[in-house]
Amino acid sequence: MVLVLFGAAAVCSAILFFVALPPAATGIVLFLYGMSVSSLFPLLVTMSGILYRQMSGTALGIVKLGIPIGGIVVPFIVSIVSRWGSFQASLAIFPLLGAAGCVLLGANARRIQARLAEKEAHV
């Protein structure tokens, strides 16, 4: 599910930033983008708590620590890229981040599923 949401976020952000759409279509794509991105945070927090049950406080703390860091680092990277290139080129960071999430989760999907199945067996 998280893999699908990362993919939807990447596709929707690419459409929003690089395709000229009529206002109604832009609203629909913006709604889908918001739904995919807003669902990611609770799922990632829940997965970190389940996957690292023995040290769930530490895992949740690391996840919560990454939120403000991402809020600082991503705008900084956008400003650097827009300074050296164009603003539209700097917006490519958002689809790239969504695609990177897809790749990372896709590469570790079997391991994550095996760990979740192991945790369910112990409960």
PDB file of N, CA and C in Angstrom:
ATOM      1  N   MET A   1       0.816  -1.193   0.000  1.00  0.00           N
ATOM      2  CA  MET A   1       0.000   0.000   0.000  1.00  0.00           C
ATOM      3  C   MET A   1       0.864   1.262   0.000  1.00  0.00           C
ATOM      4  N   VAL A   2       1.916   1.264   0.796  1.00  0.00           N
ATOM      5  CA  VAL A   2       2.795   2.424   0.865  1.00  0.00           C
ATOM      6  C   VAL A   2       3.495   2.618  -0.479  1.00  0.00           C
ATOM      7  N   LEU A   3       3.848   1.528  -1.121  1.00  0.00           N
ATOM      8  CA  LEU A   3       4.490   1.603  -2.429  1.00  0.00           C
ATOM      9  C   LEU A   3       3.560   2.264  -3.445  1.00  0.00           C
ATOM     10  N   VAL A   4       2.297   1.920  -3.419  1.00  0.00           N
ATOM     11  CA  VAL A   4       1.309   2.518  -4.318  1.00  0.00           C
ATOM     12  C   VAL A   4       1.157   4.004  -4.023  1.00  0.00           C
ATOM     13  N   LEU A   5       1.144   4.374  -2.744  1.00  0.00           N
ATOM     14  CA  LEU A   5       0.995   5.780  -2.388  1.00  0.00           C
ATOM     15  C   LEU A   5       2.199   6.608  -2.824  1.00  0.00           C
ATOM     16  N   PHE A   6       3.409   6.068  -2.658  1.00  0.00           N
ATOM     17  CA  PHE A   6       4.603   6.774  -3.145  1.00  0.00           C
ATOM     18  C   PHE A   6       4.543   6.944  -4.664  1.00  0.00           C
ATOM     19  N   GLY A   7       4.122   5.902  -5.359  1.00  0.00           N
ATOM     20  CA  GLY A   7       4.000   5.992  -6.811  1.00  0.00           C
ATOM     21  C   GLY A   7       2.951   7.009  -7.234  1.00  0.00           C
ATOM     22  N   ALA A   8       1.804   7.005  -6.556  1.00  0.00           N
ATOM     23  CA  ALA A   8       0.756   7.976  -6.876  1.00  0.00           C
ATOM     24  C   ALA A   8       1.229   9.398  -6.604  1.00  0.00           C
ATOM     25  N   ALA A   9       1.966   9.591  -5.521  1.00  0.00           N
ATOM     26  CA  ALA A   9       2.493  10.922  -5.209  1.00  0.00           C
ATOM     27  C   ALA A   9       3.476  11.377  -6.279  1.00  0.00           C
ATOM     28  N   ALA A  10       4.326  10.471  -6.738  1.00  0.00           N
ATOM     29  CA  ALA A  10       5.303  10.827  -7.771  1.00  0.00           C
ATOM     30  C   ALA A  10       4.610  11.193  -9.080  1.00  0.00           C
ATOM     31  N   VAL A  11       3.646  10.398  -9.487  1.00  0.00           N
ATOM     32  CA  VAL A  11       2.941  10.655 -10.743  1.00  0.00           C
ATOM     33  C   VAL A  11       2.129  11.951 -10.657  1.00  0.00           C
ATOM     34  N   CYS A  12       1.387  12.115  -9.569  1.00  0.00           N
ATOM     35  CA  CYS A  12       0.555  13.315  -9.429  1.00  0.00           C
ATOM     36  C   CYS A  12       1.391  14.581  -9.359  1.00  0.00           C
ATOM     37  N   SER A  13       2.506  14.544  -8.631  1.00  0.00           N
ATOM     38  CA  SER A  13       3.342  15.751  -8.561  1.00  0.00           C
ATOM     39  C   SER A  13       3.978  16.052  -9.907  1.00  0.00           C
ATOM     40  N   ALA A  14       4.357  15.031 -10.656  1.00  0.00           N
ATOM     41  CA  ALA A  14       4.911  15.264 -11.993  1.00  0.00           C
ATOM     42  C   ALA A  14       3.856  15.881 -12.906  1.00  0.00           C
ATOM     43  N   ILE A  15       2.632  15.393 -12.827  1.00  0.00           N
ATOM     44  CA  ILE A  15       1.554  15.959 -13.641  1.00  0.00           C
ATOM     45  C   ILE A  15       1.277  17.403 -13.233  1.00  0.00           C
ATOM     46  N   LEU A  16       1.203  17.650 -11.935  1.00  0.00           N
ATOM     47  CA  LEU A  16       0.902  19.011 -11.465  1.00  0.00           C
ATOM     48  C   LEU A  16       1.966  20.015 -11.879  1.00  0.00           C
ATOM     49  N   PHE A  17       3.215  19.631 -11.799  1.00  0.00           N
ATOM     50  CA  PHE A  17       4.298  20.577 -12.031  1.00  0.00           C
ATOM     51  C   PHE A  17       4.702  20.721 -13.491  1.00  0.00           C
ATOM     52  N   PHE A  18       4.430  19.706 -14.319  1.00  0.00           N
ATOM     53  CA  PHE A  18       4.980  19.731 -15.667  1.00  0.00           C
ATOM     54  C   PHE A  18       3.953  19.613 -16.786  1.00  0.00           C
ATOM     55  N   VAL A  19       2.667  19.474 -16.481  1.00  0.00           N
ATOM     56  CA  VAL A  19       1.640  19.357 -17.501  1.00  0.00           C
ATOM     57  C   VAL A  19       0.636  20.485 -17.302  1.00  0.00           C
ATOM     58  N   ALA A  20       0.346  21.206 -18.372  1.00  0.00           N
ATOM     59  CA  ALA A  20      -0.647  22.276 -18.313  1.00  0.00           C
ATOM     60  C   ALA A  20      -2.035  21.640 -18.428  1.00  0.00           C
ATOM     61  N   LEU A  21      -2.789  21.699 -17.340  1.00  0.00           N
ATOM     62  CA  LEU A  21      -4.119  21.101 -17.285  1.00  0.00           C
ATOM     63  C   LEU A  21      -5.166  22.195 -17.125  1.00  0.00           C
ATOM     64  N   PRO A  22      -6.395  21.917 -17.558  1.00  0.00           N
ATOM     65  CA  PRO A  22      -7.471  22.862 -17.251  1.00  0.00           C
ATOM     66  C   PRO A  22      -7.734  22.884 -15.742  1.00  0.00           C
ATOM     67  N   PRO A  23      -8.353  23.933 -15.227  1.00  0.00           N
ATOM     68  CA  PRO A  23      -8.543  24.055 -13.771  1.00  0.00           C
ATOM     69  C   PRO A  23      -9.259  22.872 -13.122  1.00  0.00           C
ATOM     70  N   ALA A  24     -10.259  22.320 -13.764  1.00  0.00           N
ATOM     71  CA  ALA A  24     -10.990  21.186 -13.165  1.00  0.00           C
ATOM     72  C   ALA A  24     -10.084  19.966 -13.032  1.00  0.00           C
ATOM     73  N   ALA A  25      -9.303  19.686 -14.072  1.00  0.00           N
ATOM     74  CA  ALA A  25      -8.393  18.539 -14.028  1.00  0.00           C
ATOM     75  C   ALA A  25      -7.283  18.778 -13.015  1.00  0.00           C
ATOM     76  N   THR A  26      -6.822  20.021 -12.906  1.00  0.00           N
ATOM     77  CA  THR A  26      -5.801  20.339 -11.904  1.00  0.00           C
ATOM     78  C   THR A  26      -6.336  20.084 -10.499  1.00  0.00           C
ATOM     79  N   GLY A  27      -7.583  20.466 -10.266  1.00  0.00           N
ATOM     80  CA  GLY A  27      -8.189  20.217  -8.959  1.00  0.00           C
ATOM     81  C   GLY A  27      -8.282  18.740  -8.625  1.00  0.00           C
ATOM     82  N   ILE A  28      -8.619  17.932  -9.619  1.00  0.00           N
ATOM     83  CA  ILE A  28      -8.722  16.482  -9.392  1.00  0.00           C
ATOM     84  C   ILE A  28      -7.352  15.889  -9.088  1.00  0.00           C
ATOM     85  N   VAL A  29      -6.341  16.275  -9.871  1.00  0.00           N
ATOM     86  CA  VAL A  29      -4.987  15.750  -9.642  1.00  0.00           C
ATOM     87  C   VAL A  29      -4.447  16.239  -8.299  1.00  0.00           C
ATOM     88  N   LEU A  30      -4.736  17.482  -7.951  1.00  0.00           N
ATOM     89  CA  LEU A  30      -4.309  18.013  -6.660  1.00  0.00           C
ATOM     90  C   LEU A  30      -4.962  17.268  -5.505  1.00  0.00           C
ATOM     91  N   PHE A  31      -6.241  16.930  -5.658  1.00  0.00           N
ATOM     92  CA  PHE A  31      -6.936  16.136  -4.638  1.00  0.00           C
ATOM     93  C   PHE A  31      -6.287  14.760  -4.493  1.00  0.00           C
ATOM     94  N   LEU A  32      -6.001  14.096  -5.613  1.00  0.00           N
ATOM     95  CA  LEU A  32      -5.367  12.776  -5.557  1.00  0.00           C
ATOM     96  C   LEU A  32      -3.969  12.849  -4.947  1.00  0.00           C
ATOM     97  N   TYR A  33      -3.237  13.905  -5.274  1.00  0.00           N
ATOM     98  CA  TYR A  33      -1.903  14.097  -4.698  1.00  0.00           C
ATOM     99  C   TYR A  33      -2.000  14.262  -3.179  1.00  0.00           C
ATOM    100  N   GLY A  34      -2.934  15.088  -2.738  1.00  0.00           N
ATOM    101  CA  GLY A  34      -3.119  15.287  -1.299  1.00  0.00           C
ATOM    102  C   GLY A  34      -3.530  14.017  -0.579  1.00  0.00           C
ATOM    103  N   MET A  35      -4.395  13.235  -1.203  1.00  0.00           N
ATOM    104  CA  MET A  35      -4.824  11.975  -0.590  1.00  0.00           C
ATOM    105  C   MET A  35      -3.666  10.987  -0.477  1.00  0.00           C
ATOM    106  N   SER A  36      -2.805  10.945  -1.485  1.00  0.00           N
ATOM    107  CA  SER A  36      -1.698   9.989  -1.427  1.00  0.00           C
ATOM    108  C   SER A  36      -0.637  10.439  -0.429  1.00  0.00           C
ATOM    109  N   VAL A  37      -0.305  11.712  -0.411  1.00  0.00           N
ATOM    110  CA  VAL A  37       0.739  12.192   0.492  1.00  0.00           C
ATOM    111  C   VAL A  37       0.261  12.193   1.943  1.00  0.00           C
ATOM    112  N   SER A  38      -0.996  12.575   2.173  1.00  0.00           N
ATOM    113  CA  SER A  38      -1.492  12.625   3.552  1.00  0.00           C
ATOM    114  C   SER A  38      -1.631  11.236   4.162  1.00  0.00           C
ATOM    115  N   SER A  39      -1.786  10.218   3.345  1.00  0.00           N
ATOM    116  CA  SER A  39      -1.900   8.850   3.864  1.00  0.00           C
ATOM    117  C   SER A  39      -0.550   8.235   4.176  1.00  0.00           C
ATOM    118  N   LEU A  40       0.517   8.792   3.617  1.00  0.00           N
ATOM    119  CA  LEU A  40       1.839   8.203   3.820  1.00  0.00           C
ATOM    120  C   LEU A  40       2.314   8.306   5.267  1.00  0.00           C
ATOM    121  N   PHE A  41       2.128   9.460   5.882  1.00  0.00           N
ATOM    122  CA  PHE A  41       2.675   9.658   7.228  1.00  0.00           C
ATOM    123  C   PHE A  41       2.120   8.667   8.249  1.00  0.00           C
ATOM    124  N   PRO A  42       0.793   8.508   8.383  1.00  0.00           N
ATOM    125  CA  PRO A  42       0.308   7.536   9.373  1.00  0.00           C
ATOM    126  C   PRO A  42       0.752   6.103   9.076  1.00  0.00           C
ATOM    127  N   LEU A  43       0.812   5.751   7.790  1.00  0.00           N
ATOM    128  CA  LEU A  43       1.256   4.400   7.442  1.00  0.00           C
ATOM    129  C   LEU A  43       2.719   4.171   7.787  1.00  0.00           C
ATOM    130  N   LEU A  44       3.566   5.155   7.519  1.00  0.00           N
ATOM    131  CA  LEU A  44       4.991   5.000   7.834  1.00  0.00           C
ATOM    132  C   LEU A  44       5.230   4.957   9.342  1.00  0.00           C
ATOM    133  N   VAL A  45       4.493   5.753  10.101  1.00  0.00           N
ATOM    134  CA  VAL A  45       4.626   5.722  11.559  1.00  0.00           C
ATOM    135  C   VAL A  45       4.176   4.365  12.094  1.00  0.00           C
ATOM    136  N   THR A  46       3.067   3.859  11.582  1.00  0.00           N
ATOM    137  CA  THR A  46       2.561   2.563  12.027  1.00  0.00           C
ATOM    138  C   THR A  46       3.521   1.435  11.662  1.00  0.00           C
ATOM    139  N   MET A  47       4.039   1.469  10.433  1.00  0.00           N
ATOM    140  CA  MET A  47       4.977   0.425  10.022  1.00  0.00           C
ATOM    141  C   MET A  47       6.243   0.435  10.867  1.00  0.00           C
ATOM    142  N   SER A  48       6.751   1.617  11.199  1.00  0.00           N
ATOM    143  CA  SER A  48       7.968   1.652  12.016  1.00  0.00           C
ATOM    144  C   SER A  48       7.691   1.122  13.416  1.00  0.00           C
ATOM    145  N   GLY A  49       6.518   1.399  13.948  1.00  0.00           N
ATOM    146  CA  GLY A  49       6.170   0.862  15.265  1.00  0.00           C
ATOM    147  C   GLY A  49       6.002  -0.641  15.266  1.00  0.00           C
ATOM    148  N   ILE A  50       5.447  -1.177  14.175  1.00  0.00           N
ATOM    149  CA  ILE A  50       5.232  -2.628  14.086  1.00  0.00           C
ATOM    150  C   ILE A  50       6.539  -3.355  13.789  1.00  0.00           C
ATOM    151  N   LEU A  51       7.321  -2.834  12.854  1.00  0.00           N
ATOM    152  CA  LEU A  51       8.550  -3.521  12.458  1.00  0.00           C
ATOM    153  C   LEU A  51       9.602  -3.522  13.563  1.00  0.00           C
ATOM    154  N   TYR A  52       9.614  -2.492  14.372  1.00  0.00           N
ATOM    155  CA  TYR A  52      10.611  -2.377  15.444  1.00  0.00           C
ATOM    156  C   TYR A  52       9.907  -2.314  16.793  1.00  0.00           C
ATOM    157  N   ARG A  53       9.143  -3.346  17.086  1.00  0.00           N
ATOM    158  CA  ARG A  53       8.322  -3.380  18.297  1.00  0.00           C
ATOM    159  C   ARG A  53       9.167  -3.311  19.572  1.00  0.00           C
ATOM    160  N   GLN A  54      10.328  -3.946  19.583  1.00  0.00           N
ATOM    161  CA  GLN A  54      11.173  -3.958  20.778  1.00  0.00           C
ATOM    162  C   GLN A  54      11.737  -2.582  21.101  1.00  0.00           C
ATOM    163  N   MET A  55      11.935  -1.779  20.067  1.00  0.00           N
ATOM    164  CA  MET A  55      12.443  -0.425  20.287  1.00  0.00           C
ATOM    165  C   MET A  55      11.574   0.580  19.543  1.00  0.00           C
ATOM    166  N   SER A  56      10.264   0.445  19.733  1.00  0.00           N
ATOM    167  CA  SER A  56       9.328   1.275  18.979  1.00  0.00           C
ATOM    168  C   SER A  56       9.454   2.749  19.333  1.00  0.00           C
ATOM    169  N   GLY A  57       9.791   3.074  20.579  1.00  0.00           N
ATOM    170  CA  GLY A  57       9.972   4.474  20.951  1.00  0.00           C
ATOM    171  C   GLY A  57      11.114   5.117  20.181  1.00  0.00           C
ATOM    172  N   THR A  58      12.206   4.401  20.047  1.00  0.00           N
ATOM    173  CA  THR A  58      13.355   4.910  19.295  1.00  0.00           C
ATOM    174  C   THR A  58      13.011   5.035  17.820  1.00  0.00           C
ATOM    175  N   ALA A  59      12.353   4.006  17.259  1.00  0.00           N
ATOM    176  CA  ALA A  59      11.981   4.041  15.843  1.00  0.00           C
ATOM    177  C   ALA A  59      11.023   5.193  15.560  1.00  0.00           C
ATOM    178  N   LEU A  60      10.025   5.379  16.414  1.00  0.00           N
ATOM    179  CA  LEU A  60       9.080   6.476  16.218  1.00  0.00           C
ATOM    180  C   LEU A  60       9.757   7.827  16.398  1.00  0.00           C
ATOM    181  N   GLY A  61      10.712   7.907  17.315  1.00  0.00           N
ATOM    182  CA  GLY A  61      11.460   9.147  17.497  1.00  0.00           C
ATOM    183  C   GLY A  61      12.280   9.496  16.269  1.00  0.00           C
ATOM    184  N   ILE A  62      12.878   8.495  15.647  1.00  0.00           N
ATOM    185  CA  ILE A  62      13.660   8.742  14.431  1.00  0.00           C
ATOM    186  C   ILE A  62      12.748   9.196  13.293  1.00  0.00           C
ATOM    187  N   VAL A  63      11.581   8.559  13.168  1.00  0.00           N
ATOM    188  CA  VAL A  63      10.627   8.971  12.138  1.00  0.00           C
ATOM    189  C   VAL A  63      10.174  10.406  12.388  1.00  0.00           C
ATOM    190  N   LYS A  64       9.834  10.717  13.629  1.00  0.00           N
ATOM    191  CA  LYS A  64       9.386  12.079  13.964  1.00  0.00           C
ATOM    192  C   LYS A  64      10.513  13.095  13.797  1.00  0.00           C
ATOM    193  N   LEU A  65      11.742  12.688  13.982  1.00  0.00           N
ATOM    194  CA  LEU A  65      12.883  13.577  13.782  1.00  0.00           C
ATOM    195  C   LEU A  65      13.099  13.882  12.301  1.00  0.00           C
ATOM    196  N   GLY A  66      12.763  12.930  11.446  1.00  0.00           N
ATOM    197  CA  GLY A  66      12.943  13.128  10.014  1.00  0.00           C
ATOM    198  C   GLY A  66      11.982  14.135   9.421  1.00  0.00           C
ATOM    199  N   ILE A  67      10.859  14.373  10.063  1.00  0.00           N
ATOM    200  CA  ILE A  67       9.861  15.296   9.520  1.00  0.00           C
ATOM    201  C   ILE A  67      10.394  16.726   9.448  1.00  0.00           C
ATOM    202  N   PRO A  68      10.870  17.314  10.543  1.00  0.00           N
ATOM    203  CA  PRO A  68      11.376  18.683  10.411  1.00  0.00           C
ATOM    204  C   PRO A  68      12.666  18.766   9.592  1.00  0.00           C
ATOM    205  N   ILE A  69      13.445  17.701   9.603  1.00  0.00           N
ATOM    206  CA  ILE A  69      14.660  17.712   8.781  1.00  0.00           C
ATOM    207  C   ILE A  69      14.277  17.775   7.310  1.00  0.00           C
ATOM    208  N   GLY A  70      13.268  17.007   6.917  1.00  0.00           N
ATOM    209  CA  GLY A  70      12.786  17.070   5.542  1.00  0.00           C
ATOM    210  C   GLY A  70      12.192  18.427   5.212  1.00  0.00           C
ATOM    211  N   GLY A  71      11.559  19.056   6.187  1.00  0.00           N
ATOM    212  CA  GLY A  71      11.004  20.388   5.982  1.00  0.00           C
ATOM    213  C   GLY A  71      12.054  21.469   5.848  1.00  0.00           C
ATOM    214  N   ILE A  72      13.257  21.184   6.261  1.00  0.00           N
ATOM    215  CA  ILE A  72      14.358  22.132   6.122  1.00  0.00           C
ATOM    216  C   ILE A  72      15.201  21.807   4.893  1.00  0.00           C
ATOM    217  N   VAL A  73      15.513  20.538   4.698  1.00  0.00           N
ATOM    218  CA  VAL A  73      16.432  20.131   3.636  1.00  0.00           C
ATOM    219  C   VAL A  73      15.801  20.279   2.245  1.00  0.00           C
ATOM    220  N   VAL A  74      14.550  19.849   2.080  1.00  0.00           N
ATOM    221  CA  VAL A  74      13.927  19.893   0.757  1.00  0.00           C
ATOM    222  C   VAL A  74      13.789  21.330   0.247  1.00  0.00           C
ATOM    223  N   PRO A  75      13.267  22.289   1.032  1.00  0.00           N
ATOM    224  CA  PRO A  75      13.234  23.662   0.514  1.00  0.00           C
ATOM    225  C   PRO A  75      14.623  24.229   0.230  1.00  0.00           C
ATOM    226  N   PHE A  76      15.608  23.840   1.016  1.00  0.00           N
ATOM    227  CA  PHE A  76      16.977  24.285   0.770  1.00  0.00           C
ATOM    228  C   PHE A  76      17.481  23.772  -0.577  1.00  0.00           C
ATOM    229  N   ILE A  77      17.211  22.501  -0.867  1.00  0.00           N
ATOM    230  CA  ILE A  77      17.622  21.928  -2.150  1.00  0.00           C
ATOM    231  C   ILE A  77      16.867  22.593  -3.298  1.00  0.00           C
ATOM    232  N   VAL A  78      15.572  22.858  -3.097  1.00  0.00           N
ATOM    233  CA  VAL A  78      14.792  23.551  -4.126  1.00  0.00           C
ATOM    234  C   VAL A  78      15.389  24.925  -4.409  1.00  0.00           C
ATOM    235  N   SER A  79      15.782  25.649  -3.373  1.00  0.00           N
ATOM    236  CA  SER A  79      16.357  26.985  -3.583  1.00  0.00           C
ATOM    237  C   SER A  79      17.701  26.911  -4.310  1.00  0.00           C
ATOM    238  N   ILE A  80      18.506  25.908  -3.981  1.00  0.00           N
ATOM    239  CA  ILE A  80      19.805  25.764  -4.661  1.00  0.00           C
ATOM    240  C   ILE A  80      19.609  25.431  -6.139  1.00  0.00           C
ATOM    241  N   VAL A  81      18.717  24.476  -6.418  1.00  0.00           N
ATOM    242  CA  VAL A  81      18.484  24.082  -7.811  1.00  0.00           C
ATOM    243  C   VAL A  81      17.871  25.240  -8.595  1.00  0.00           C
ATOM    244  N   SER A  82      16.946  25.982  -7.991  1.00  0.00           N
ATOM    245  CA  SER A  82      16.335  27.102  -8.723  1.00  0.00           C
ATOM    246  C   SER A  82      17.319  28.243  -8.929  1.00  0.00           C
ATOM    247  N   ARG A  83      18.284  28.373  -8.040  1.00  0.00           N
ATOM    248  CA  ARG A  83      19.301  29.406  -8.211  1.00  0.00           C
ATOM    249  C   ARG A  83      20.226  29.079  -9.380  1.00  0.00           C
ATOM    250  N   TRP A  84      20.567  27.804  -9.559  1.00  0.00           N
ATOM    251  CA  TRP A  84      21.482  27.399 -10.620  1.00  0.00           C
ATOM    252  C   TRP A  84      20.760  27.036 -11.913  1.00  0.00           C
ATOM    253  N   GLY A  85      19.491  26.721 -11.821  1.00  0.00           N
ATOM    254  CA  GLY A  85      18.712  26.350 -13.002  1.00  0.00           C
ATOM    255  C   GLY A  85      17.448  27.186 -13.045  1.00  0.00           C
ATOM    256  N   SER A  86      16.356  26.536 -13.285  1.00  0.00           N
ATOM    257  CA  SER A  86      15.075  27.229 -13.288  1.00  0.00           C
ATOM    258  C   SER A  86      14.220  26.718 -12.131  1.00  0.00           C
ATOM    259  N   PHE A  87      13.179  27.476 -11.833  1.00  0.00           N
ATOM    260  CA  PHE A  87      12.285  27.050 -10.760  1.00  0.00           C
ATOM    261  C   PHE A  87      11.559  25.770 -11.152  1.00  0.00           C
ATOM    262  N   GLN A  88      11.185  25.647 -12.417  1.00  0.00           N
ATOM    263  CA  GLN A  88      10.500  24.441 -12.867  1.00  0.00           C
ATOM    264  C   GLN A  88      11.412  23.219 -12.729  1.00  0.00           C
ATOM    265  N   ALA A  89      12.697  23.405 -12.987  1.00  0.00           N
ATOM    266  CA  ALA A  89      13.644  22.291 -12.810  1.00  0.00           C
ATOM    267  C   ALA A  89      13.738  21.902 -11.337  1.00  0.00           C
ATOM    268  N   SER A  90      13.643  22.882 -10.443  1.00  0.00           N
ATOM    269  CA  SER A  90      13.715  22.564  -9.012  1.00  0.00           C
ATOM    270  C   SER A  90      12.487  21.796  -8.542  1.00  0.00           C
ATOM    271  N   LEU A  91      11.359  21.973  -9.233  1.00  0.00           N
ATOM    272  CA  LEU A  91      10.154  21.228  -8.855  1.00  0.00           C
ATOM    273  C   LEU A  91      10.258  19.744  -9.195  1.00  0.00           C
ATOM    274  N   ALA A  92      11.221  19.375 -10.003  1.00  0.00           N
ATOM    275  CA  ALA A  92      11.425  17.959 -10.336  1.00  0.00           C
ATOM    276  C   ALA A  92      11.870  17.160  -9.116  1.00  0.00           C
ATOM    277  N   ILE A  93      12.274  17.836  -8.055  1.00  0.00           N
ATOM    278  CA  ILE A  93      12.694  17.154  -6.831  1.00  0.00           C
ATOM    279  C   ILE A  93      11.549  16.341  -6.239  1.00  0.00           C
ATOM    280  N   PHE A  94      10.330  16.867  -6.293  1.00  0.00           N
ATOM    281  CA  PHE A  94       9.202  16.183  -5.659  1.00  0.00           C
ATOM    282  C   PHE A  94       8.836  14.873  -6.347  1.00  0.00           C
ATOM    283  N   PRO A  95       8.712  14.832  -7.687  1.00  0.00           N
ATOM    284  CA  PRO A  95       8.503  13.516  -8.308  1.00  0.00           C
ATOM    285  C   PRO A  95       9.687  12.572  -8.099  1.00  0.00           C
ATOM    286  N   LEU A  96      10.896  13.122  -8.059  1.00  0.00           N
ATOM    287  CA  LEU A  96      12.069  12.271  -7.829  1.00  0.00           C
ATOM    288  C   LEU A  96      12.052  11.660  -6.428  1.00  0.00           C
ATOM    289  N   LEU A  97      11.610  12.437  -5.442  1.00  0.00           N
ATOM    290  CA  LEU A  97      11.503  11.887  -4.085  1.00  0.00           C
ATOM    291  C   LEU A  97      10.454  10.779  -4.017  1.00  0.00           C
ATOM    292  N   GLY A  98       9.326  10.976  -4.696  1.00  0.00           N
ATOM    293  CA  GLY A  98       8.306   9.928  -4.742  1.00  0.00           C
ATOM    294  C   GLY A  98       8.817   8.678  -5.432  1.00  0.00           C
ATOM    295  N   ALA A  99       9.543   8.863  -6.530  1.00  0.00           N
ATOM    296  CA  ALA A  99      10.119   7.718  -7.248  1.00  0.00           C
ATOM    297  C   ALA A  99      11.175   7.019  -6.389  1.00  0.00           C
ATOM    298  N   ALA A 100      11.972   7.801  -5.641  1.00  0.00           N
ATOM    299  CA  ALA A 100      12.972   7.196  -4.753  1.00  0.00           C
ATOM    300  C   ALA A 100      12.296   6.368  -3.666  1.00  0.00           C
ATOM    301  N   GLY A 101      11.180   6.857  -3.141  1.00  0.00           N
ATOM    302  CA  GLY A 101      10.424   6.079  -2.156  1.00  0.00           C
ATOM    303  C   GLY A 101       9.922   4.775  -2.740  1.00  0.00           C
ATOM    304  N   CYS A 102       9.444   4.824  -3.991  1.00  0.00           N
ATOM    305  CA  CYS A 102       8.995   3.599  -4.659  1.00  0.00           C
ATOM    306  C   CYS A 102      10.138   2.603  -4.813  1.00  0.00           C
ATOM    307  N   VAL A 103      11.273   3.098  -5.243  1.00  0.00           N
ATOM    308  CA  VAL A 103      12.423   2.211  -5.460  1.00  0.00           C
ATOM    309  C   VAL A 103      12.889   1.593  -4.152  1.00  0.00           C
ATOM    310  N   LEU A 104      13.005   2.410  -3.100  1.00  0.00           N
ATOM    311  CA  LEU A 104      13.472   1.893  -1.807  1.00  0.00           C
ATOM    312  C   LEU A 104      12.501   0.875  -1.221  1.00  0.00           C
ATOM    313  N   LEU A 105      11.222   1.180  -1.267  1.00  0.00           N
ATOM    314  CA  LEU A 105      10.250   0.229  -0.734  1.00  0.00           C
ATOM    315  C   LEU A 105      10.136  -1.013  -1.611  1.00  0.00           C
ATOM    316  N   GLY A 106      10.214  -0.823  -2.926  1.00  0.00           N
ATOM    317  CA  GLY A 106      10.152  -1.976  -3.828  1.00  0.00           C
ATOM    318  C   GLY A 106      11.333  -2.911  -3.631  1.00  0.00           C
ATOM    319  N   ALA A 107      12.497  -2.341  -3.391  1.00  0.00           N
ATOM    320  CA  ALA A 107      13.691  -3.160  -3.186  1.00  0.00           C
ATOM    321  C   ALA A 107      13.629  -3.935  -1.875  1.00  0.00           C
ATOM    322  N   ASN A 108      12.925  -3.391  -0.895  1.00  0.00           N
ATOM    323  CA  ASN A 108      12.855  -4.039   0.419  1.00  0.00           C
ATOM    324  C   ASN A 108      11.482  -4.639   0.716  1.00  0.00           C
ATOM    325  N   ALA A 109      10.617  -4.744  -0.286  1.00  0.00           N
ATOM    326  CA  ALA A 109       9.243  -5.198  -0.052  1.00  0.00           C
ATOM    327  C   ALA A 109       9.194  -6.613   0.529  1.00  0.00           C
ATOM    328  N   ARG A 110       9.971  -7.511  -0.015  1.00  0.00           N
ATOM    329  CA  ARG A 110       9.942  -8.903   0.483  1.00  0.00           C
ATOM    330  C   ARG A 110      10.424  -8.975   1.930  1.00  0.00           C
ATOM    331  N   ARG A 111      11.465  -8.227   2.224  1.00  0.00           N
ATOM    332  CA  ARG A 111      12.005  -8.236   3.589  1.00  0.00           C
ATOM    333  C   ARG A 111      10.996  -7.649   4.571  1.00  0.00           C
ATOM    334  N   ILE A 112      10.331  -6.568   4.176  1.00  0.00           N
ATOM    335  CA  ILE A 112       9.336  -5.943   5.051  1.00  0.00           C
ATOM    336  C   ILE A 112       8.148  -6.868   5.247  1.00  0.00           C
ATOM    337  N   GLN A 113       7.670  -7.502   4.176  1.00  0.00           N
ATOM    338  CA  GLN A 113       6.544  -8.432   4.299  1.00  0.00           C
ATOM    339  C   GLN A 113       6.901  -9.625   5.169  1.00  0.00           C
ATOM    340  N   ALA A 114       8.107 -10.140   5.036  1.00  0.00           N
ATOM    341  CA  ALA A 114       8.535 -11.269   5.860  1.00  0.00           C
ATOM    342  C   ALA A 114       8.589 -10.869   7.326  1.00  0.00           C
ATOM    343  N   ARG A 115       9.071  -9.661   7.580  1.00  0.00           N
ATOM    344  CA  ARG A 115       9.147  -9.197   8.970  1.00  0.00           C
ATOM    345  C   ARG A 115       7.772  -8.969   9.571  1.00  0.00           C
ATOM    346  N   LEU A 116       6.852  -8.420   8.770  1.00  0.00           N
ATOM    347  CA  LEU A 116       5.480  -8.225   9.259  1.00  0.00           C
ATOM    348  C   LEU A 116       4.810  -9.558   9.524  1.00  0.00           C
ATOM    349  N   ALA A 117       5.023 -10.545   8.653  1.00  0.00           N
ATOM    350  CA  ALA A 117       4.444 -11.878   8.862  1.00  0.00           C
ATOM    351  C   ALA A 117       5.037 -12.515  10.119  1.00  0.00           C
ATOM    352  N   GLU A 118       6.320 -12.309  10.349  1.00  0.00           N
ATOM    353  CA  GLU A 118       6.980 -12.837  11.555  1.00  0.00           C
ATOM    354  C   GLU A 118       6.387 -12.202  12.803  1.00  0.00           C
ATOM    355  N   LYS A 119       6.129 -10.903  12.740  1.00  0.00           N
ATOM    356  CA  LYS A 119       5.564 -10.197  13.901  1.00  0.00           C
ATOM    357  C   LYS A 119       4.141 -10.672  14.171  1.00  0.00           C
ATOM    358  N   GLU A 120       3.357 -10.926  13.117  1.00  0.00           N
ATOM    359  CA  GLU A 120       1.991 -11.413  13.294  1.00  0.00           C
ATOM    360  C   GLU A 120       1.992 -12.817  13.871  1.00  0.00           C
ATOM    361  N   ALA A 121       2.968 -13.639  13.527  1.00  0.00           N
ATOM    362  CA  ALA A 121       3.040 -14.990  14.048  1.00  0.00           C
ATOM    363  C   ALA A 121       3.327 -15.009  15.536  1.00  0.00           C
ATOM    364  N   HIS A 122       4.065 -13.993  16.033  1.00  0.00           N
ATOM    365  CA  HIS A 122       4.412 -13.939  17.441  1.00  0.00           C
ATOM    366  C   HIS A 122       3.302 -13.334  18.287  1.00  0.00           C
ATOM    367  N   VAL A 123       2.348 -12.682  17.681  1.00  0.00           N
ATOM    368  CA  VAL A 123       1.254 -12.041  18.441  1.00  0.00           C
ATOM    369  C   VAL A 123       0.186 -12.989  18.731  1.00  0.00           C
TER     370      VAL A 123
END
